[in-house]
Amino acid sequence: MSNLTLTPTNVKEMLLKVADVIIESEEKLSQADRDLGDGDHGLGMQRGFTAAKAQLEVLEPKTVSEVFTTTGMTLMASMGGASGAVMGMLFQSGGTALGANDSLDADGLCTFLKGACDGVTNLGGAKPGDKTMVDALVSARNKAEGNDCKSISEACQAAASGANEGMEATKAMIATMGRAKTLGEKSIGYPDPGALSVSIIFKTMSDYAS
């Protein structure tokens, strides 16, 4: 594969890798959710990405958008709850923003990230600082857009770095949305599980594209 762009088949392979890593991270994500909520986030992510993997394995994509939107719709249908809606929207809105592109380059990843941020924030109403997945997602977008990325590898690395920074930043925040908001200051010191999931997703994408 080119280090400048990814084909639809490359993107399919990348998201299959993401699915595998998320499935393997179930206990880590569940523990993060137990620290702040009811502990079902990891199981939901595992269930959603197991279903997404099954759909992707039989997909013969002609566009990059098709890979992302298939993933998003499957997550929405299989995960359930608020996590399924927002995680599915990340891929659905990001993929839709790409239109009929038959490759993914650095600019395309920025387009995906902008669409993903718009879709997730419009759906759930969260903003940076609320201690949600939005903190990691917006940070990923800002880092990718703020770097002069010439290749998809560089863009994915920047997004992964931003997502990790956003996730780490949630540890110092007081949750203002979801079940964790009932904890108040007791939520300080723990990362948001959705932000942790976003960090894992973009780290895996970066590993694939490197």
N, C-alpha and C. Protein backbone atom coordinates (compact mmCIF):
# COMPACT_ATOMS: atom_id res chain seq x y z
N MET A 1 0.84 -1.19 0.00
CA MET A 1 0.00 0.00 0.00
C MET A 1 0.87 1.25 0.00
N SER A 2 0.36 2.33 -0.57
CA SER A 2 1.08 3.59 -0.58
C SER A 2 1.09 4.20 0.81
N ASN A 3 2.20 4.87 1.14
CA ASN A 3 2.23 5.54 2.44
C ASN A 3 1.53 6.89 2.37
N LEU A 4 1.07 7.27 1.16
CA LEU A 4 0.38 8.54 0.98
C LEU A 4 -1.13 8.37 1.06
N THR A 5 -1.65 7.24 0.59
CA THR A 5 -3.09 7.01 0.57
C THR A 5 -3.42 5.57 0.91
N LEU A 6 -4.66 5.35 1.32
CA LEU A 6 -5.19 4.01 1.54
C LEU A 6 -6.34 3.75 0.59
N THR A 7 -6.37 2.58 -0.01
CA THR A 7 -7.49 2.18 -0.86
C THR A 7 -8.67 1.76 0.02
N PRO A 8 -9.87 1.60 -0.57
CA PRO A 8 -10.98 1.08 0.22
C PRO A 8 -10.67 -0.27 0.87
N THR A 9 -9.95 -1.12 0.18
CA THR A 9 -9.59 -2.42 0.75
C THR A 9 -8.62 -2.24 1.92
N ASN A 10 -7.68 -1.29 1.79
CA ASN A 10 -6.78 -0.98 2.91
C ASN A 10 -7.56 -0.51 4.12
N VAL A 11 -8.54 0.37 3.88
CA VAL A 11 -9.34 0.90 4.99
C VAL A 11 -10.15 -0.22 5.64
N LYS A 12 -10.65 -1.13 4.83
CA LYS A 12 -11.35 -2.30 5.37
C LYS A 12 -10.41 -3.10 6.27
N GLU A 13 -9.20 -3.36 5.81
CA GLU A 13 -8.22 -4.10 6.61
C GLU A 13 -7.90 -3.35 7.91
N MET A 14 -7.81 -2.03 7.81
CA MET A 14 -7.51 -1.20 8.97
C MET A 14 -8.61 -1.31 10.02
N LEU A 15 -9.87 -1.25 9.58
CA LEU A 15 -10.97 -1.33 10.53
C LEU A 15 -11.17 -2.74 11.07
N LEU A 16 -10.79 -3.74 10.31
CA LEU A 16 -10.80 -5.10 10.85
C LEU A 16 -9.78 -5.22 11.98
N LYS A 17 -8.64 -4.56 11.81
CA LYS A 17 -7.64 -4.55 12.88
C LYS A 17 -8.17 -3.79 14.09
N VAL A 18 -8.84 -2.67 13.85
CA VAL A 18 -9.46 -1.91 14.94
C VAL A 18 -10.44 -2.80 15.70
N ALA A 19 -11.26 -3.54 14.96
CA ALA A 19 -12.24 -4.42 15.59
C ALA A 19 -11.54 -5.45 16.48
N ASP A 20 -10.48 -6.05 15.98
CA ASP A 20 -9.75 -7.06 16.76
C ASP A 20 -9.21 -6.47 18.06
N VAL A 21 -8.63 -5.28 17.96
CA VAL A 21 -8.02 -4.66 19.15
C VAL A 21 -9.09 -4.25 20.17
N ILE A 22 -10.20 -3.72 19.68
CA ILE A 22 -11.29 -3.35 20.59
C ILE A 22 -11.84 -4.59 21.29
N ILE A 23 -12.02 -5.66 20.53
CA ILE A 23 -12.52 -6.91 21.12
C ILE A 23 -11.57 -7.40 22.20
N GLU A 24 -10.26 -7.31 21.93
CA GLU A 24 -9.25 -7.75 22.90
C GLU A 24 -9.19 -6.82 24.12
N SER A 25 -9.68 -5.60 23.97
CA SER A 25 -9.59 -4.60 25.04
C SER A 25 -10.84 -4.57 25.92
N GLU A 26 -11.70 -5.55 25.79
CA GLU A 26 -12.97 -5.55 26.53
C GLU A 26 -12.77 -5.34 28.02
N GLU A 27 -11.88 -6.09 28.64
CA GLU A 27 -11.71 -5.99 30.10
C GLU A 27 -11.15 -4.62 30.49
N LYS A 28 -10.22 -4.10 29.70
CA LYS A 28 -9.66 -2.78 29.99
C LYS A 28 -10.75 -1.71 29.93
N LEU A 29 -11.60 -1.78 28.92
CA LEU A 29 -12.68 -0.81 28.76
C LEU A 29 -13.76 -1.00 29.83
N SER A 30 -14.03 -2.24 30.18
CA SER A 30 -15.03 -2.52 31.22
C SER A 30 -14.56 -1.98 32.57
N GLN A 31 -13.27 -2.16 32.86
CA GLN A 31 -12.74 -1.64 34.12
C GLN A 31 -12.81 -0.12 34.15
N ALA A 32 -12.48 0.52 33.03
CA ALA A 32 -12.57 1.98 32.97
C ALA A 32 -14.00 2.44 33.24
N ASP A 33 -14.98 1.67 32.75
CA ASP A 33 -16.38 2.02 32.97
C ASP A 33 -16.81 1.70 34.39
N ARG A 34 -16.28 0.64 34.97
CA ARG A 34 -16.60 0.33 36.37
C ARG A 34 -16.12 1.44 37.30
N ASP A 35 -15.02 2.09 36.93
CA ASP A 35 -14.50 3.17 37.74
C ASP A 35 -15.44 4.38 37.77
N LEU A 36 -16.26 4.51 36.73
CA LEU A 36 -17.10 5.70 36.59
C LEU A 36 -18.59 5.40 36.40
N GLY A 37 -18.92 4.17 36.05
CA GLY A 37 -20.32 3.88 35.73
C GLY A 37 -20.71 2.47 36.10
N ASP A 38 -21.42 1.80 35.20
CA ASP A 38 -21.94 0.47 35.53
C ASP A 38 -21.13 -0.67 34.92
N GLY A 39 -20.07 -0.34 34.19
CA GLY A 39 -19.16 -1.38 33.73
C GLY A 39 -19.53 -2.10 32.47
N ASP A 40 -20.50 -1.58 31.71
CA ASP A 40 -20.93 -2.32 30.52
C ASP A 40 -20.33 -1.80 29.22
N HIS A 41 -19.51 -0.76 29.29
CA HIS A 41 -18.99 -0.17 28.06
C HIS A 41 -18.12 -1.15 27.27
N GLY A 42 -17.26 -1.88 27.97
CA GLY A 42 -16.38 -2.82 27.28
C GLY A 42 -17.16 -3.92 26.58
N LEU A 43 -18.18 -4.45 27.25
CA LEU A 43 -18.99 -5.50 26.64
C LEU A 43 -19.75 -4.97 25.43
N GLY A 44 -20.24 -3.73 25.54
CA GLY A 44 -20.95 -3.13 24.41
C GLY A 44 -20.03 -2.92 23.21
N MET A 45 -18.82 -2.45 23.48
CA MET A 45 -17.85 -2.25 22.40
C MET A 45 -17.46 -3.58 21.78
N GLN A 46 -17.26 -4.58 22.62
CA GLN A 46 -16.92 -5.91 22.11
C GLN A 46 -18.04 -6.45 21.21
N ARG A 47 -19.26 -6.32 21.68
CA ARG A 47 -20.41 -6.79 20.91
C ARG A 47 -20.53 -6.04 19.58
N GLY A 48 -20.38 -4.72 19.64
CA GLY A 48 -20.51 -3.90 18.44
C GLY A 48 -19.45 -4.19 17.40
N PHE A 49 -18.22 -4.31 17.84
CA PHE A 49 -17.13 -4.51 16.89
C PHE A 49 -17.03 -5.96 16.43
N THR A 50 -17.58 -6.89 17.19
CA THR A 50 -17.70 -8.26 16.69
C THR A 50 -18.68 -8.30 15.52
N ALA A 51 -19.80 -7.58 15.67
CA ALA A 51 -20.79 -7.50 14.59
C ALA A 51 -20.23 -6.74 13.39
N ALA A 52 -19.50 -5.65 13.66
CA ALA A 52 -18.90 -4.87 12.58
C ALA A 52 -17.88 -5.70 11.81
N LYS A 53 -17.10 -6.48 12.53
CA LYS A 53 -16.10 -7.34 11.88
C LYS A 53 -16.77 -8.31 10.92
N ALA A 54 -17.88 -8.90 11.35
CA ALA A 54 -18.59 -9.85 10.49
C ALA A 54 -19.10 -9.17 9.21
N GLN A 55 -19.58 -7.94 9.34
CA GLN A 55 -20.07 -7.21 8.18
C GLN A 55 -18.92 -6.81 7.25
N LEU A 56 -17.82 -6.38 7.84
CA LEU A 56 -16.68 -5.94 7.03
C LEU A 56 -16.02 -7.09 6.28
N GLU A 57 -16.00 -8.26 6.89
CA GLU A 57 -15.32 -9.39 6.27
C GLU A 57 -15.96 -9.78 4.94
N VAL A 58 -17.24 -9.54 4.77
CA VAL A 58 -17.92 -9.91 3.52
C VAL A 58 -18.11 -8.71 2.60
N LEU A 59 -17.67 -7.53 3.05
CA LEU A 59 -17.83 -6.32 2.25
C LEU A 59 -16.78 -6.24 1.16
N GLU A 60 -17.21 -5.86 -0.04
CA GLU A 60 -16.29 -5.60 -1.14
C GLU A 60 -16.42 -4.12 -1.50
N PRO A 61 -15.73 -3.26 -0.75
CA PRO A 61 -15.97 -1.82 -0.86
C PRO A 61 -15.42 -1.19 -2.13
N LYS A 62 -16.20 -0.27 -2.67
CA LYS A 62 -15.75 0.50 -3.83
C LYS A 62 -15.31 1.90 -3.42
N THR A 63 -15.77 2.35 -2.26
CA THR A 63 -15.37 3.66 -1.74
C THR A 63 -14.94 3.52 -0.29
N VAL A 64 -14.16 4.49 0.15
CA VAL A 64 -13.74 4.52 1.55
C VAL A 64 -14.95 4.76 2.45
N SER A 65 -15.85 5.63 2.01
CA SER A 65 -17.05 5.94 2.78
C SER A 65 -17.84 4.70 3.12
N GLU A 66 -17.93 3.77 2.18
CA GLU A 66 -18.69 2.55 2.37
C GLU A 66 -18.17 1.74 3.56
N VAL A 67 -16.87 1.73 3.73
CA VAL A 67 -16.28 0.97 4.84
C VAL A 67 -16.66 1.62 6.17
N PHE A 68 -16.50 2.93 6.25
CA PHE A 68 -16.80 3.62 7.50
C PHE A 68 -18.29 3.60 7.84
N THR A 69 -19.14 3.85 6.84
CA THR A 69 -20.57 3.90 7.13
C THR A 69 -21.13 2.52 7.47
N THR A 70 -20.60 1.47 6.84
CA THR A 70 -21.01 0.11 7.21
C THR A 70 -20.67 -0.17 8.66
N THR A 71 -19.47 0.24 9.06
CA THR A 71 -19.06 0.08 10.46
C THR A 71 -19.99 0.85 11.38
N GLY A 72 -20.25 2.10 11.04
CA GLY A 72 -21.10 2.94 11.89
C GLY A 72 -22.50 2.40 12.05
N MET A 73 -23.12 2.00 10.95
CA MET A 73 -24.49 1.50 11.02
C MET A 73 -24.57 0.21 11.82
N THR A 74 -23.54 -0.62 11.68
CA THR A 74 -23.53 -1.88 12.43
C THR A 74 -23.37 -1.63 13.92
N LEU A 75 -22.52 -0.69 14.29
CA LEU A 75 -22.36 -0.36 15.70
C LEU A 75 -23.66 0.17 16.29
N MET A 76 -24.34 1.03 15.56
CA MET A 76 -25.61 1.57 16.04
C MET A 76 -26.63 0.46 16.27
N ALA A 77 -26.65 -0.50 15.35
CA ALA A 77 -27.66 -1.56 15.41
C ALA A 77 -27.35 -2.62 16.46
N SER A 78 -26.08 -2.82 16.76
CA SER A 78 -25.70 -3.96 17.61
C SER A 78 -25.31 -3.58 19.03
N MET A 79 -24.83 -2.36 19.26
CA MET A 79 -24.38 -1.98 20.59
C MET A 79 -25.52 -1.57 21.50
N GLY A 80 -26.44 -0.79 20.95
CA GLY A 80 -27.53 -0.28 21.74
C GLY A 80 -27.08 0.84 22.67
N GLY A 81 -28.05 1.54 23.24
CA GLY A 81 -27.75 2.58 24.22
C GLY A 81 -27.06 3.80 23.64
N ALA A 82 -26.68 4.70 24.55
CA ALA A 82 -26.04 5.94 24.14
C ALA A 82 -24.68 5.70 23.52
N SER A 83 -23.93 4.72 24.05
CA SER A 83 -22.60 4.45 23.50
C SER A 83 -22.69 3.98 22.06
N GLY A 84 -23.65 3.13 21.77
CA GLY A 84 -23.82 2.65 20.41
C GLY A 84 -24.18 3.77 19.45
N ALA A 85 -25.02 4.68 19.92
CA ALA A 85 -25.44 5.79 19.08
C ALA A 85 -24.28 6.70 18.73
N VAL A 86 -23.50 7.09 19.75
CA VAL A 86 -22.43 8.05 19.49
C VAL A 86 -21.23 7.39 18.82
N MET A 87 -20.92 6.15 19.20
CA MET A 87 -19.79 5.48 18.56
C MET A 87 -20.12 5.18 17.10
N GLY A 88 -21.36 4.76 16.85
CA GLY A 88 -21.79 4.52 15.48
C GLY A 88 -21.78 5.80 14.67
N MET A 89 -22.20 6.90 15.30
CA MET A 89 -22.24 8.18 14.61
C MET A 89 -20.85 8.66 14.23
N LEU A 90 -19.87 8.35 15.03
CA LEU A 90 -18.48 8.71 14.72
C LEU A 90 -18.12 8.20 13.32
N PHE A 91 -18.36 6.91 13.10
CA PHE A 91 -18.01 6.32 11.81
C PHE A 91 -18.99 6.69 10.70
N GLN A 92 -20.27 6.76 11.06
CA GLN A 92 -21.30 7.08 10.07
C GLN A 92 -21.12 8.49 9.51
N SER A 93 -21.00 9.47 10.40
CA SER A 93 -20.88 10.86 9.95
C SER A 93 -19.53 11.11 9.29
N GLY A 94 -18.49 10.53 9.86
CA GLY A 94 -17.16 10.69 9.25
C GLY A 94 -17.11 10.10 7.86
N GLY A 95 -17.68 8.91 7.71
CA GLY A 95 -17.70 8.27 6.41
C GLY A 95 -18.54 9.02 5.40
N THR A 96 -19.69 9.50 5.82
CA THR A 96 -20.57 10.25 4.92
C THR A 96 -19.88 11.51 4.40
N ALA A 97 -19.08 12.15 5.26
CA ALA A 97 -18.38 13.37 4.86
C ALA A 97 -17.38 13.13 3.73
N LEU A 98 -16.94 11.89 3.58
CA LEU A 98 -15.94 11.56 2.55
C LEU A 98 -16.54 11.41 1.16
N GLY A 99 -17.84 11.28 1.07
CA GLY A 99 -18.48 11.18 -0.23
C GLY A 99 -18.04 9.95 -1.00
N ALA A 100 -17.73 10.14 -2.28
CA ALA A 100 -17.42 9.01 -3.16
C ALA A 100 -15.91 8.78 -3.31
N ASN A 101 -15.11 9.25 -2.38
CA ASN A 101 -13.66 9.09 -2.48
C ASN A 101 -13.27 7.62 -2.56
N ASP A 102 -12.39 7.31 -3.52
CA ASP A 102 -11.94 5.92 -3.65
C ASP A 102 -10.56 5.71 -3.03
N SER A 103 -10.11 6.69 -2.21
CA SER A 103 -8.88 6.53 -1.45
C SER A 103 -8.94 7.45 -0.25
N LEU A 104 -8.11 7.16 0.75
CA LEU A 104 -8.06 7.98 1.96
C LEU A 104 -6.66 8.54 2.09
N ASP A 105 -6.54 9.88 2.01
CA ASP A 105 -5.25 10.53 2.19
C ASP A 105 -5.31 11.39 3.44
N ALA A 106 -4.28 12.19 3.68
CA ALA A 106 -4.21 13.00 4.89
C ALA A 106 -5.38 13.98 4.97
N ASP A 107 -5.68 14.65 3.86
CA ASP A 107 -6.81 15.58 3.84
C ASP A 107 -8.12 14.83 4.08
N GLY A 108 -8.21 13.63 3.54
CA GLY A 108 -9.42 12.83 3.72
C GLY A 108 -9.64 12.46 5.17
N LEU A 109 -8.56 12.15 5.89
CA LEU A 109 -8.70 11.82 7.30
C LEU A 109 -9.20 13.04 8.08
N CYS A 110 -8.70 14.21 7.72
CA CYS A 110 -9.18 15.44 8.38
C CYS A 110 -10.66 15.66 8.08
N THR A 111 -11.08 15.37 6.85
CA THR A 111 -12.49 15.48 6.49
C THR A 111 -13.32 14.49 7.31
N PHE A 112 -12.82 13.26 7.44
CA PHE A 112 -13.49 12.24 8.24
C PHE A 112 -13.64 12.71 9.69
N LEU A 113 -12.56 13.24 10.26
CA LEU A 113 -12.57 13.67 11.65
C LEU A 113 -13.52 14.83 11.88
N LYS A 114 -13.57 15.77 10.94
CA LYS A 114 -14.49 16.90 11.08
C LYS A 114 -15.94 16.39 11.04
N GLY A 115 -16.22 15.51 10.09
CA GLY A 115 -17.57 14.97 10.00
C GLY A 115 -17.94 14.18 11.24
N ALA A 116 -16.98 13.41 11.76
CA ALA A 116 -17.22 12.62 12.96
C ALA A 116 -17.52 13.53 14.15
N CYS A 117 -16.71 14.57 14.32
CA CYS A 117 -16.93 15.51 15.44
C CYS A 117 -18.29 16.18 15.34
N ASP A 118 -18.64 16.64 14.15
CA ASP A 118 -19.93 17.31 13.96
C ASP A 118 -21.08 16.36 14.27
N GLY A 119 -20.99 15.13 13.77
CA GLY A 119 -22.06 14.17 13.99
C GLY A 119 -22.25 13.82 15.46
N VAL A 120 -21.14 13.57 16.14
CA VAL A 120 -21.20 13.15 17.55
C VAL A 120 -21.67 14.30 18.44
N THR A 121 -21.14 15.50 18.23
CA THR A 121 -21.53 16.62 19.08
C THR A 121 -22.98 17.04 18.83
N ASN A 122 -23.41 16.97 17.60
CA ASN A 122 -24.80 17.32 17.30
C ASN A 122 -25.77 16.31 17.90
N LEU A 123 -25.35 15.05 17.93
CA LEU A 123 -26.23 14.00 18.46
C LEU A 123 -26.32 14.04 19.98
N GLY A 124 -25.17 14.09 20.63
CA GLY A 124 -25.17 13.96 22.08
C GLY A 124 -25.11 15.26 22.86
N GLY A 125 -24.70 16.34 22.19
CA GLY A 125 -24.63 17.63 22.85
C GLY A 125 -23.40 17.86 23.70
N ALA A 126 -22.50 16.88 23.75
CA ALA A 126 -21.29 17.04 24.57
C ALA A 126 -20.31 17.99 23.88
N LYS A 127 -19.52 18.65 24.68
CA LYS A 127 -18.48 19.55 24.18
C LYS A 127 -17.19 19.25 24.93
N PRO A 128 -16.04 19.70 24.39
CA PRO A 128 -14.79 19.47 25.10
C PRO A 128 -14.86 19.99 26.53
N GLY A 129 -14.36 19.19 27.46
CA GLY A 129 -14.40 19.55 28.87
C GLY A 129 -15.49 18.85 29.66
N ASP A 130 -16.39 18.16 28.95
CA ASP A 130 -17.49 17.45 29.62
C ASP A 130 -17.08 16.05 30.09
N LYS A 131 -15.86 15.64 29.81
CA LYS A 131 -15.35 14.31 30.17
C LYS A 131 -16.14 13.23 29.44
N THR A 132 -16.07 13.28 28.11
CA THR A 132 -16.70 12.27 27.27
C THR A 132 -15.74 11.92 26.13
N MET A 133 -16.18 11.03 25.24
CA MET A 133 -15.40 10.68 24.07
C MET A 133 -15.10 11.88 23.19
N VAL A 134 -15.92 12.93 23.31
CA VAL A 134 -15.71 14.14 22.50
C VAL A 134 -14.35 14.76 22.80
N ASP A 135 -13.89 14.66 24.03
CA ASP A 135 -12.58 15.24 24.37
C ASP A 135 -11.47 14.59 23.54
N ALA A 136 -11.52 13.28 23.39
CA ALA A 136 -10.51 12.59 22.60
C ALA A 136 -10.71 12.83 21.10
N LEU A 137 -11.96 12.83 20.66
CA LEU A 137 -12.25 12.98 19.24
C LEU A 137 -11.89 14.37 18.72
N VAL A 138 -12.28 15.40 19.45
CA VAL A 138 -11.97 16.77 19.02
C VAL A 138 -10.45 17.01 19.07
N SER A 139 -9.79 16.45 20.07
CA SER A 139 -8.34 16.60 20.15
C SER A 139 -7.66 15.90 18.97
N ALA A 140 -8.19 14.74 18.56
CA ALA A 140 -7.65 14.04 17.38
C ALA A 140 -7.81 14.90 16.14
N ARG A 141 -8.99 15.50 15.98
CA ARG A 141 -9.23 16.37 14.82
C ARG A 141 -8.28 17.56 14.83
N ASN A 142 -8.17 18.21 15.97
CA ASN A 142 -7.34 19.42 16.05
C ASN A 142 -5.87 19.11 15.76
N LYS A 143 -5.39 17.99 16.28
CA LYS A 143 -3.98 17.63 16.09
C LYS A 143 -3.71 17.29 14.63
N ALA A 144 -4.63 16.58 13.99
CA ALA A 144 -4.45 16.22 12.58
C ALA A 144 -4.50 17.46 11.69
N GLU A 145 -5.46 18.35 11.97
CA GLU A 145 -5.59 19.56 11.17
C GLU A 145 -4.45 20.54 11.41
N GLY A 146 -3.86 20.47 12.60
CA GLY A 146 -2.81 21.42 12.95
C GLY A 146 -1.41 21.00 12.52
N ASN A 147 -1.31 19.80 11.93
CA ASN A 147 -0.02 19.32 11.45
C ASN A 147 0.01 19.33 9.94
N ASP A 148 1.16 19.63 9.38
CA ASP A 148 1.32 19.64 7.93
C ASP A 148 1.57 18.21 7.46
N CYS A 149 0.52 17.41 7.51
CA CYS A 149 0.64 15.99 7.18
C CYS A 149 0.64 15.79 5.67
N LYS A 150 1.66 15.12 5.18
CA LYS A 150 1.73 14.86 3.75
C LYS A 150 1.26 13.45 3.41
N SER A 151 1.25 12.56 4.38
CA SER A 151 0.85 11.18 4.11
C SER A 151 -0.23 10.76 5.08
N ILE A 152 -0.94 9.71 4.74
CA ILE A 152 -1.97 9.18 5.61
C ILE A 152 -1.33 8.65 6.90
N SER A 153 -0.11 8.15 6.80
CA SER A 153 0.60 7.68 7.98
C SER A 153 0.81 8.81 8.98
N GLU A 154 1.29 9.95 8.49
CA GLU A 154 1.51 11.11 9.36
C GLU A 154 0.20 11.61 9.95
N ALA A 155 -0.84 11.62 9.13
CA ALA A 155 -2.15 12.10 9.61
C ALA A 155 -2.70 11.19 10.69
N CYS A 156 -2.56 9.88 10.50
CA CYS A 156 -3.04 8.94 11.51
C CYS A 156 -2.23 9.05 12.79
N GLN A 157 -0.93 9.26 12.66
CA GLN A 157 -0.09 9.43 13.84
C GLN A 157 -0.51 10.67 14.62
N ALA A 158 -0.78 11.76 13.90
CA ALA A 158 -1.21 12.99 14.56
C ALA A 158 -2.55 12.80 15.25
N ALA A 159 -3.49 12.14 14.58
CA ALA A 159 -4.80 11.89 15.17
C ALA A 159 -4.69 11.02 16.41
N ALA A 160 -3.84 9.99 16.33
CA ALA A 160 -3.66 9.10 17.48
C ALA A 160 -3.06 9.85 18.66
N SER A 161 -2.08 10.71 18.38
CA SER A 161 -1.47 11.51 19.43
C SER A 161 -2.50 12.43 20.08
N GLY A 162 -3.30 13.07 19.24
CA GLY A 162 -4.33 13.97 19.76
C GLY A 162 -5.38 13.23 20.57
N ALA A 163 -5.81 12.06 20.09
CA ALA A 163 -6.81 11.28 20.81
C ALA A 163 -6.29 10.85 22.18
N ASN A 164 -5.02 10.47 22.22
CA ASN A 164 -4.43 10.07 23.50
C ASN A 164 -4.33 11.25 24.46
N GLU A 165 -3.94 12.41 23.93
CA GLU A 165 -3.87 13.60 24.77
C GLU A 165 -5.24 13.97 25.31
N GLY A 166 -6.26 13.87 24.45
CA GLY A 166 -7.62 14.17 24.88
C GLY A 166 -8.11 13.21 25.94
N MET A 167 -7.79 11.93 25.75
CA MET A 167 -8.18 10.91 26.73
C MET A 167 -7.50 11.18 28.07
N GLU A 168 -6.20 11.45 28.03
CA GLU A 168 -5.46 11.71 29.27
C GLU A 168 -6.02 12.95 29.98
N ALA A 169 -6.44 13.93 29.21
CA ALA A 169 -6.98 15.16 29.80
C ALA A 169 -8.27 14.91 30.56
N THR A 170 -9.03 13.89 30.17
CA THR A 170 -10.29 13.62 30.87
C THR A 170 -10.07 13.17 32.31
N LYS A 171 -8.89 12.70 32.63
CA LYS A 171 -8.61 12.24 34.00
C LYS A 171 -8.76 13.38 35.01
N ALA A 172 -8.45 14.59 34.59
CA ALA A 172 -8.51 15.74 35.50
C ALA A 172 -9.88 16.42 35.51
N MET A 173 -10.80 15.92 34.71
CA MET A 173 -12.11 16.55 34.57
C MET A 173 -13.15 15.96 35.51
N ILE A 174 -14.15 16.77 35.84
CA ILE A 174 -15.33 16.30 36.55
C ILE A 174 -16.40 16.00 35.51
N ALA A 175 -16.94 14.80 35.54
CA ALA A 175 -17.93 14.40 34.55
C ALA A 175 -19.20 15.25 34.68
N THR A 176 -19.70 15.72 33.56
CA THR A 176 -20.92 16.54 33.56
C THR A 176 -22.03 15.91 32.75
N MET A 177 -21.76 14.73 32.17
CA MET A 177 -22.77 14.06 31.36
C MET A 177 -22.75 12.57 31.68
N GLY A 178 -23.86 11.89 31.38
CA GLY A 178 -23.92 10.45 31.56
C GLY A 178 -23.98 10.04 33.03
N ARG A 179 -23.84 8.73 33.25
CA ARG A 179 -23.94 8.20 34.62
C ARG A 179 -22.85 8.76 35.53
N ALA A 180 -21.68 9.03 34.95
CA ALA A 180 -20.54 9.46 35.77
C ALA A 180 -20.76 10.82 36.42
N LYS A 181 -21.70 11.62 35.91
CA LYS A 181 -21.89 12.96 36.48
C LYS A 181 -22.39 12.89 37.92
N THR A 182 -22.99 11.77 38.30
CA THR A 182 -23.47 11.63 39.68
C THR A 182 -22.32 11.50 40.67
N LEU A 183 -21.13 11.19 40.16
CA LEU A 183 -19.96 11.03 41.03
C LEU A 183 -19.34 12.35 41.43
N GLY A 184 -19.61 13.40 40.65
CA GLY A 184 -19.01 14.70 40.95
C GLY A 184 -17.50 14.63 40.96
N GLU A 185 -16.89 15.17 42.02
CA GLU A 185 -15.42 15.22 42.10
C GLU A 185 -14.80 13.83 42.22
N LYS A 186 -15.59 12.83 42.58
CA LYS A 186 -15.07 11.47 42.66
C LYS A 186 -14.69 10.91 41.28
N SER A 187 -15.15 11.58 40.22
CA SER A 187 -14.79 11.13 38.87
C SER A 187 -13.39 11.58 38.46
N ILE A 188 -12.80 12.48 39.25
CA ILE A 188 -11.45 12.96 38.94
C ILE A 188 -10.44 11.83 39.15
N GLY A 189 -9.50 11.74 38.23
CA GLY A 189 -8.45 10.74 38.33
C GLY A 189 -8.64 9.55 37.42
N TYR A 190 -9.83 9.46 36.83
CA TYR A 190 -10.13 8.34 35.94
C TYR A 190 -10.41 8.85 34.53
N PRO A 191 -9.95 8.12 33.50
CA PRO A 191 -10.26 8.54 32.13
C PRO A 191 -11.69 8.17 31.76
N ASP A 192 -12.29 8.95 30.91
CA ASP A 192 -13.60 8.58 30.39
C ASP A 192 -13.46 7.33 29.52
N PRO A 193 -14.29 6.31 29.73
CA PRO A 193 -14.16 5.08 28.95
C PRO A 193 -14.39 5.27 27.45
N GLY A 194 -15.29 6.17 27.08
CA GLY A 194 -15.50 6.44 25.66
C GLY A 194 -14.28 7.09 25.03
N ALA A 195 -13.66 8.00 25.77
CA ALA A 195 -12.43 8.63 25.28
C ALA A 195 -11.31 7.61 25.17
N LEU A 196 -11.27 6.67 26.10
CA LEU A 196 -10.28 5.60 26.03
C LEU A 196 -10.50 4.76 24.78
N SER A 197 -11.76 4.47 24.46
CA SER A 197 -12.07 3.71 23.25
C SER A 197 -11.61 4.45 21.99
N VAL A 198 -11.88 5.76 21.96
CA VAL A 198 -11.47 6.56 20.80
C VAL A 198 -9.95 6.55 20.67
N SER A 199 -9.25 6.64 21.79
CA SER A 199 -7.79 6.61 21.77
C SER A 199 -7.28 5.28 21.20
N ILE A 200 -7.89 4.19 21.62
CA ILE A 200 -7.49 2.87 21.13
C ILE A 200 -7.76 2.76 19.63
N ILE A 201 -8.89 3.26 19.18
CA ILE A 201 -9.26 3.19 17.77
C ILE A 201 -8.21 3.90 16.91
N PHE A 202 -7.86 5.13 17.26
CA PHE A 202 -6.92 5.88 16.42
C PHE A 202 -5.49 5.40 16.57
N LYS A 203 -5.14 4.88 17.73
CA LYS A 203 -3.81 4.27 17.87
C LYS A 203 -3.69 3.06 16.95
N THR A 204 -4.73 2.25 16.86
CA THR A 204 -4.71 1.07 16.00
C THR A 204 -4.68 1.48 14.53
N MET A 205 -5.43 2.51 14.16
CA MET A 205 -5.39 3.02 12.79
C MET A 205 -3.99 3.49 12.44
N SER A 206 -3.35 4.19 13.37
CA SER A 206 -1.99 4.67 13.14
C SER A 206 -1.00 3.52 12.99
N ASP A 207 -1.15 2.52 13.84
CA ASP A 207 -0.27 1.35 13.73
C ASP A 207 -0.40 0.68 12.36
N TYR A 208 -1.62 0.61 11.87
CA TYR A 208 -1.85 -0.01 10.56
C TYR A 208 -1.23 0.83 9.44
N ALA A 209 -1.40 2.14 9.51
CA ALA A 209 -0.97 3.01 8.43
C ALA A 209 0.52 3.29 8.44
N SER A 210 1.20 2.97 9.54
CA SER A 210 2.63 3.28 9.64
C SER A 210 3.49 2.38 8.76
